[in-house]
Structure formats: C-alpha cells, structure tokens
C-alpha cells in the first residue's frame, strides 16, 4: 500500500511539473523563420555596436524593416520570443544555430578581407611606381630666367 501511494505521488508530481509557463501565441512563427529573424536582428545589433552612425544616419527603423521582411509585427515577434524563451533547451538550440551561422559568415568575411589585404599592397606598389615614373618624366614648371633677371634689375634700380 505504501508503495502505491509513493508511486502515485511521484507520478502526480512529475505530471504537475510539466505545466506550460507561456501559452502558445495565436500566430505562432515557425522555428526556422524565428531563427532567421533573430539572426538578422543579431547582425543589426552587431552593426549598431561596431558603427553606430551607420544605422542612425538612415531615416528608416532597421528593426521594423527586418520584421516587415518576414511579414511579422513587433507584438507577434515579442509574443513568440517569450513563448520560445520559456523552453530553455529549445531556445538554447536556436541560439546555437544563430551562433553557427554568425561564425560561418565571420570566417567567410575574414577570408575575403585577407584576400583584399594581399591584393592591396600589390596595387599600392604599382601606383607608387607609376607616380614616380610620371614625376620623373614630367619636368617641373619651367622658370623663365629672363623674367627673374628683369626683377633683379628692377629691384637694383629702386
């Protein structure tokens, strides 16, 4: 009898702990689309952090633009964000996916920057050589010696 009571209590406690903290919103955004929205918002925040004037100089609201891109309003996004955040494990998986995407794009960007850096010194050397060649070939403004002699003679007379 005691064993039955213990089993029923354990079963009751395990079922009661499964209660949802946040109800599912009426317009649920699918998980993949939510990850895309959060990824774009993460990029936007990174841009704001790195160069705040680039985002502030635009007269449009970038966050509003991203939500319009996915045809989601801010209230719907906030409700869905709270819903997904209530399940910690699922929310962590979403952010892990976003982190992987950001890292992948970071590696691609870094490799492009390295390629540009390798090309840049060669282009600069070429420009320097061309300017040196041009400056050597072109004579500087010719000075008319006769006009200088006249000025000296005029100053002597005075």
Protein backbone atom coordinates (compact mmCIF):
# COMPACT_ATOMS: atom_id res chain seq x y z
CA UNK A 1 0.00 0.00 0.00
CA UNK A 2 2.79 2.39 0.87
CA UNK A 3 4.49 1.67 -2.44
CA UNK A 4 1.31 2.52 -4.35
CA UNK A 5 0.98 5.84 -2.54
CA UNK A 6 4.63 6.72 -3.28
CA UNK A 7 4.23 5.79 -6.95
CA UNK A 8 1.04 7.85 -7.27
CA UNK A 9 2.70 10.86 -5.58
CA UNK A 10 5.77 10.66 -7.83
CA UNK A 11 3.57 10.33 -10.90
CA UNK A 12 1.40 13.24 -9.79
CA UNK A 13 4.43 15.48 -9.15
CA UNK A 14 6.03 14.66 -12.49
CA UNK A 15 2.81 15.43 -14.39
CA UNK A 16 2.19 18.67 -12.49
CA UNK A 17 5.71 19.96 -13.24
CA UNK A 18 5.04 19.77 -16.98
CA UNK A 19 2.81 22.86 -16.82
CA UNK A 20 3.38 25.39 -19.63
CA UNK A 21 4.59 28.76 -18.38
CA UNK A 22 3.65 30.69 -21.51
CA UNK A 23 0.74 29.79 -23.73
CA UNK A 24 1.31 29.27 -27.42
CA UNK A 25 0.56 32.52 -29.30
CA UNK A 26 -2.31 32.63 -31.79
CA UNK A 27 0.07 33.39 -34.67
CA UNK A 28 2.96 31.07 -33.98
CA UNK A 29 6.07 31.76 -36.05
CA UNK A 30 7.71 28.53 -37.12
CA UNK A 31 11.06 27.81 -35.51
CA UNK A 32 13.14 28.18 -38.70
CA UNK A 33 11.63 31.56 -39.52
CA UNK A 34 12.15 32.70 -35.93
CA UNK A 35 15.82 31.73 -36.16
CA UNK A 36 16.13 33.75 -39.38
CA UNK A 37 14.56 36.81 -37.75
CA UNK A 38 16.78 36.53 -34.68
CA UNK A 39 19.84 36.06 -36.90
CA UNK A 40 19.07 39.26 -38.84
CA UNK A 41 18.42 41.14 -35.62
CA UNK A 42 21.75 39.86 -34.24
CA UNK A 43 23.55 41.18 -37.32
CA UNK A 44 21.78 44.50 -36.89
CA UNK A 45 22.88 44.74 -33.27
CA UNK A 46 26.46 43.93 -34.28
CA UNK A 47 26.37 46.70 -36.89
CA UNK A 48 24.98 49.13 -34.32
CA UNK A 49 27.77 48.18 -31.91
CA UNK A 50 30.59 48.43 -34.46
CA UNK A 51 29.44 51.57 -36.26
CA UNK A 52 26.53 53.32 -34.53
CA UNK A 53 26.43 56.20 -37.02
CA UNK A 54 25.77 53.86 -39.95
CA UNK A 55 22.40 52.80 -38.57
CA UNK A 56 21.46 56.14 -37.03
CA UNK A 57 22.08 58.04 -40.26
CA UNK A 58 19.30 56.14 -42.03
CA UNK A 59 15.84 57.55 -41.57
CA UNK A 60 14.27 54.10 -41.52
CA UNK A 61 13.98 51.87 -38.49
CA UNK A 62 16.10 48.78 -39.31
CA UNK A 63 14.32 46.56 -36.79
CA UNK A 64 10.98 47.48 -38.31
CA UNK A 65 12.40 46.73 -41.76
CA UNK A 66 13.53 43.25 -40.69
CA UNK A 67 10.14 42.46 -39.19
CA UNK A 68 8.44 43.67 -42.38
CA UNK A 69 10.79 41.48 -44.41
CA UNK A 70 9.41 38.41 -42.63
CA UNK A 71 5.85 39.80 -42.55
CA UNK A 72 5.73 39.83 -38.74
CA UNK A 73 4.65 42.67 -36.47
CA UNK A 74 6.53 43.60 -33.31
CA UNK A 75 3.85 42.29 -30.95
CA UNK A 76 3.76 38.94 -32.71
CA UNK A 77 7.56 38.73 -32.54
CA UNK A 78 7.59 39.61 -28.83
CA UNK A 79 4.93 37.00 -28.01
CA UNK A 80 6.73 34.32 -30.00
CA UNK A 81 10.06 35.25 -28.45
CA UNK A 82 8.58 34.82 -24.95
CA UNK A 83 7.00 31.52 -25.98
CA UNK A 84 10.26 30.10 -27.32
CA UNK A 85 12.25 31.50 -24.38
CA UNK A 86 10.01 29.62 -21.93
CA UNK A 87 11.56 26.36 -23.16
CA UNK A 88 15.21 26.87 -22.26
CA UNK A 89 16.62 23.89 -24.17
CA UNK A 90 14.82 24.76 -27.41
CA UNK A 91 15.79 28.44 -27.09
CA UNK A 92 19.43 27.49 -26.49
CA UNK A 93 19.37 25.31 -29.63
CA UNK A 94 18.04 28.28 -31.58
CA UNK A 95 20.87 30.49 -30.36
CA UNK A 96 23.41 27.78 -31.06
CA UNK A 97 22.16 27.71 -34.67
CA UNK A 98 22.47 31.51 -34.85
CA UNK A 99 26.00 31.34 -33.43
CA UNK A 100 26.99 28.75 -36.05
CA UNK A 101 25.67 30.97 -38.84
CA UNK A 102 27.48 34.01 -37.48
CA UNK A 103 30.73 32.07 -37.13
CA UNK A 104 30.40 30.75 -40.69
CA UNK A 105 29.85 34.26 -42.06
CA UNK A 106 32.72 35.58 -39.93
CA UNK A 107 35.11 33.03 -41.44
CA UNK A 108 33.94 33.90 -44.96
CA UNK A 109 34.34 37.61 -44.29
CA UNK A 110 37.79 37.12 -42.76
CA UNK A 111 38.98 35.17 -45.80
CA UNK A 112 37.70 37.91 -48.14
CA UNK A 113 39.47 40.56 -46.08
CA UNK A 114 42.72 38.59 -46.22
CA UNK A 115 42.44 38.31 -50.00
CA UNK A 116 41.85 42.06 -50.27
CA UNK A 117 44.81 42.75 -48.00
CA UNK A 118 47.07 40.61 -50.20
CA UNK A 119 45.90 42.45 -53.31
CA UNK A 120 46.14 45.90 -51.74
CA UNK A 121 49.96 46.07 -51.30
CA UNK A 122 50.49 45.00 -54.91
CA UNK A 123 48.12 47.71 -56.13
CA UNK A 124 49.79 50.32 -53.91
CA UNK A 125 53.26 49.38 -55.19
CA UNK A 126 52.00 49.73 -58.73
CA UNK A 127 50.52 53.16 -58.00
CA UNK A 128 53.73 54.34 -56.33
CA UNK A 129 55.85 53.16 -59.26
CA UNK A 130 53.53 54.90 -61.74
CA UNK A 131 53.61 58.16 -59.80
CA UNK A 132 57.39 58.00 -59.54
CA UNK A 133 57.68 57.37 -63.28
CA UNK A 134 55.29 60.21 -64.01
CA UNK A 135 57.10 62.63 -61.72
CA UNK A 136 60.45 61.79 -63.29
CA UNK A 137 59.21 62.12 -66.85
CA UNK A 138 57.36 65.37 -66.34
CA UNK A 139 59.57 68.36 -65.84
CA UNK A 140 58.56 70.73 -63.12
CA UNK A 141 57.25 74.15 -64.05
CA UNK A 142 59.90 75.85 -66.10
CA UNK A 143 61.23 79.05 -64.71
CA UNK A 144 61.87 81.82 -67.16
CA UNK A 145 65.32 83.14 -66.31
CA UNK A 146 64.77 86.34 -68.25
CA UNK A 147 61.87 87.32 -66.04
CA UNK A 148 63.99 86.70 -62.92
CA UNK A 149 66.79 88.88 -64.27
CA UNK A 150 64.34 91.65 -65.05
CA UNK A 151 63.01 91.51 -61.47
CA UNK A 152 66.54 91.69 -60.08
CA UNK A 153 67.37 94.64 -62.31
CA UNK A 154 64.18 96.45 -61.31
CA UNK A 155 64.99 95.95 -57.63
CA UNK A 156 68.54 97.26 -58.14
CA UNK A 157 67.26 100.43 -59.79
CA UNK A 158 64.99 101.23 -56.90
